Amino acid sequence: MSAIYTANTAKAKVIYYKDKETYKIVFAFNVHKKVKDNGDIVYMFPTQAKCAYVSGDINYEELQADKERIIAQAKQTMRTDNVEFV
């Protein structure tokens, strides 16, 4: 008997906070795809408390420099190499 293992694909998005002028990168597995009435596709993320990984507040300059480090840390935490930005 052989077992088939499939890797889940995590969805990620960058969120901008106007009041703090900072960014966060949010990673989640339980993201739902929704098509609006006008045909636009929107991905519905769960609340940040239920996401698989949420980076801390990041300034714009640090976001560009540390993006790869944050993604690598998220992959290690979530135990997956399949991350898709939406």
C-alpha atoms as a PDB file:
ATOM      1  CA  MET A   1       0.000   0.000   0.000  1.00  0.00           C
ATOM      2  CA  SER A   2       1.496   3.343  -0.997  1.00  0.00           C
ATOM      3  CA  ALA A   3       0.572   6.707   0.422  1.00  0.00           C
ATOM      4  CA  ILE A   4       0.181   9.772  -1.739  1.00  0.00           C
ATOM      5  CA  TYR A   5       1.367  13.000  -0.195  1.00  0.00           C
ATOM      6  CA  THR A   6       0.282  16.313  -1.629  1.00  0.00           C
ATOM      7  CA  ALA A   7       1.681  19.658  -0.636  1.00  0.00           C
ATOM      8  CA  ASN A   8      -0.798  22.383   0.113  1.00  0.00           C
ATOM      9  CA  THR A   9      -0.328  25.706  -1.603  1.00  0.00           C
ATOM     10  CA  ALA A  10      -0.313  28.685   0.719  1.00  0.00           C
ATOM     11  CA  LYS A  11      -1.632  32.010  -0.525  1.00  0.00           C
ATOM     12  CA  ALA A  12       0.105  35.233   0.494  1.00  0.00           C
ATOM     13  CA  LYS A  13      -0.684  38.917   0.241  1.00  0.00           C
ATOM     14  CA  VAL A  14       0.937  42.174   1.261  1.00  0.00           C
ATOM     15  CA  ILE A  15      -1.200  44.482   3.418  1.00  0.00           C
ATOM     16  CA  TYR A  16      -0.525  48.222   3.756  1.00  0.00           C
ATOM     17  CA  TYR A  17      -1.544  50.084   6.932  1.00  0.00           C
ATOM     18  CA  LYS A  18      -2.060  53.789   6.199  1.00  0.00           C
ATOM     19  CA  ASP A  19      -2.186  54.912   9.818  1.00  0.00           C
ATOM     20  CA  LYS A  20       1.215  53.374  10.672  1.00  0.00           C
ATOM     21  CA  GLU A  21       2.657  53.563   7.126  1.00  0.00           C
ATOM     22  CA  THR A  22       3.851  49.963   7.445  1.00  0.00           C
ATOM     23  CA  TYR A  23       3.327  46.676   5.622  1.00  0.00           C
ATOM     24  CA  LYS A  24       2.610  43.067   6.652  1.00  0.00           C
ATOM     25  CA  ILE A  25       2.847  39.870   4.661  1.00  0.00           C
ATOM     26  CA  VAL A  26       0.062  37.408   5.482  1.00  0.00           C
ATOM     27  CA  PHE A  27       0.232  33.695   4.566  1.00  0.00           C
ATOM     28  CA  ALA A  28      -2.771  31.352   4.802  1.00  0.00           C
ATOM     29  CA  PHE A  29      -3.891  27.957   3.543  1.00  0.00           C
ATOM     30  CA  ASN A  30      -7.645  28.464   3.946  1.00  0.00           C
ATOM     31  CA  VAL A  31      -8.124  31.207   1.338  1.00  0.00           C
ATOM     32  CA  HIS A  32     -11.321  31.220  -0.702  1.00  0.00           C
ATOM     33  CA  LYS A  33     -11.620  32.474  -4.258  1.00  0.00           C
ATOM     34  CA  LYS A  34     -14.656  34.653  -4.977  1.00  0.00           C
ATOM     35  CA  VAL A  35     -15.825  36.095  -8.294  1.00  0.00           C
ATOM     36  CA  LYS A  36     -17.587  39.447  -7.980  1.00  0.00           C
ATOM     37  CA  ASP A  37     -20.584  40.445 -10.087  1.00  0.00           C
ATOM     38  CA  ASN A  38     -18.369  42.528 -12.398  1.00  0.00           C
ATOM     39  CA  GLY A  39     -16.062  39.544 -13.043  1.00  0.00           C
ATOM     40  CA  ASP A  40     -13.192  40.539 -10.729  1.00  0.00           C
ATOM     41  CA  ILE A  41     -11.565  37.713  -8.785  1.00  0.00           C
ATOM     42  CA  VAL A  42     -11.051  38.366  -5.065  1.00  0.00           C
ATOM     43  CA  TYR A  43      -9.299  36.107  -2.573  1.00  0.00           C
ATOM     44  CA  MET A  44     -10.946  36.025   0.848  1.00  0.00           C
ATOM     45  CA  PHE A  45      -8.325  35.615   3.586  1.00  0.00           C
ATOM     46  CA  PRO A  46      -9.274  34.590   7.138  1.00  0.00           C
ATOM     47  CA  THR A  47      -8.603  36.898  10.060  1.00  0.00           C
ATOM     48  CA  GLN A  48      -4.929  37.273  10.904  1.00  0.00           C
ATOM     49  CA  ALA A  49      -5.379  35.185  14.047  1.00  0.00           C
ATOM     50  CA  LYS A  50      -6.354  32.195  11.864  1.00  0.00           C
ATOM     51  CA  CYS A  51      -3.632  32.666   9.225  1.00  0.00           C
ATOM     52  CA  ALA A  52      -0.695  30.269   9.101  1.00  0.00           C
ATOM     53  CA  TYR A  53       1.954  33.034   9.300  1.00  0.00           C
ATOM     54  CA  VAL A  54       1.854  36.811   9.682  1.00  0.00           C
ATOM     55  CA  SER A  55       4.998  38.908   9.505  1.00  0.00           C
ATOM     56  CA  GLY A  56       5.454  41.837  11.834  1.00  0.00           C
ATOM     57  CA  ASP A  57       5.124  45.493  10.862  1.00  0.00           C
ATOM     58  CA  ILE A  58       7.674  46.351   8.178  1.00  0.00           C
ATOM     59  CA  ASN A  59       8.731  49.713   6.753  1.00  0.00           C
ATOM     60  CA  TYR A  60       8.841  50.044   2.965  1.00  0.00           C
ATOM     61  CA  GLU A  61      12.659  50.114   2.875  1.00  0.00           C
ATOM     62  CA  GLU A  62      12.865  46.980   5.024  1.00  0.00           C
ATOM     63  CA  LEU A  63      10.176  45.226   2.967  1.00  0.00           C
ATOM     64  CA  GLN A  64      12.257  45.401  -0.198  1.00  0.00           C
ATOM     65  CA  ALA A  65      15.415  44.239   1.590  1.00  0.00           C
ATOM     66  CA  ASP A  66      13.921  41.511   3.823  1.00  0.00           C
ATOM     67  CA  LYS A  67      11.215  40.073   1.556  1.00  0.00           C
ATOM     68  CA  GLU A  68      13.145  36.882   0.736  1.00  0.00           C
ATOM     69  CA  ARG A  69      14.058  36.330   4.401  1.00  0.00           C
ATOM     70  CA  ILE A  70      10.405  36.711   5.455  1.00  0.00           C
ATOM     71  CA  ILE A  71       9.214  34.289   2.760  1.00  0.00           C
ATOM     72  CA  ALA A  72      11.879  31.736   3.747  1.00  0.00           C
ATOM     73  CA  GLN A  73      10.876  32.005   7.421  1.00  0.00           C
ATOM     74  CA  ALA A  74       7.195  31.564   6.511  1.00  0.00           C
ATOM     75  CA  LYS A  75       7.956  28.490   4.371  1.00  0.00           C
ATOM     76  CA  GLN A  76       9.908  26.942   7.226  1.00  0.00           C
ATOM     77  CA  THR A  77       7.158  27.700   9.756  1.00  0.00           C
ATOM     78  CA  MET A  78       4.358  26.411   7.520  1.00  0.00           C
ATOM     79  CA  ARG A  79       6.440  23.448   6.256  1.00  0.00           C
ATOM     80  CA  THR A  80       5.702  24.053   2.596  1.00  0.00           C
ATOM     81  CA  ASP A  81       7.588  25.328  -0.440  1.00  0.00           C
ATOM     82  CA  ASN A  82       4.424  26.193  -2.369  1.00  0.00           C
ATOM     83  CA  VAL A  83       3.590  29.866  -1.823  1.00  0.00           C
ATOM     84  CA  GLU A  84       1.525  31.885  -4.293  1.00  0.00           C
ATOM     85  CA  PHE A  85       1.129  35.665  -3.977  1.00  0.00           C
ATOM     86  CA  VAL A  86      -2.351  36.930  -4.827  1.00  0.00           C
END
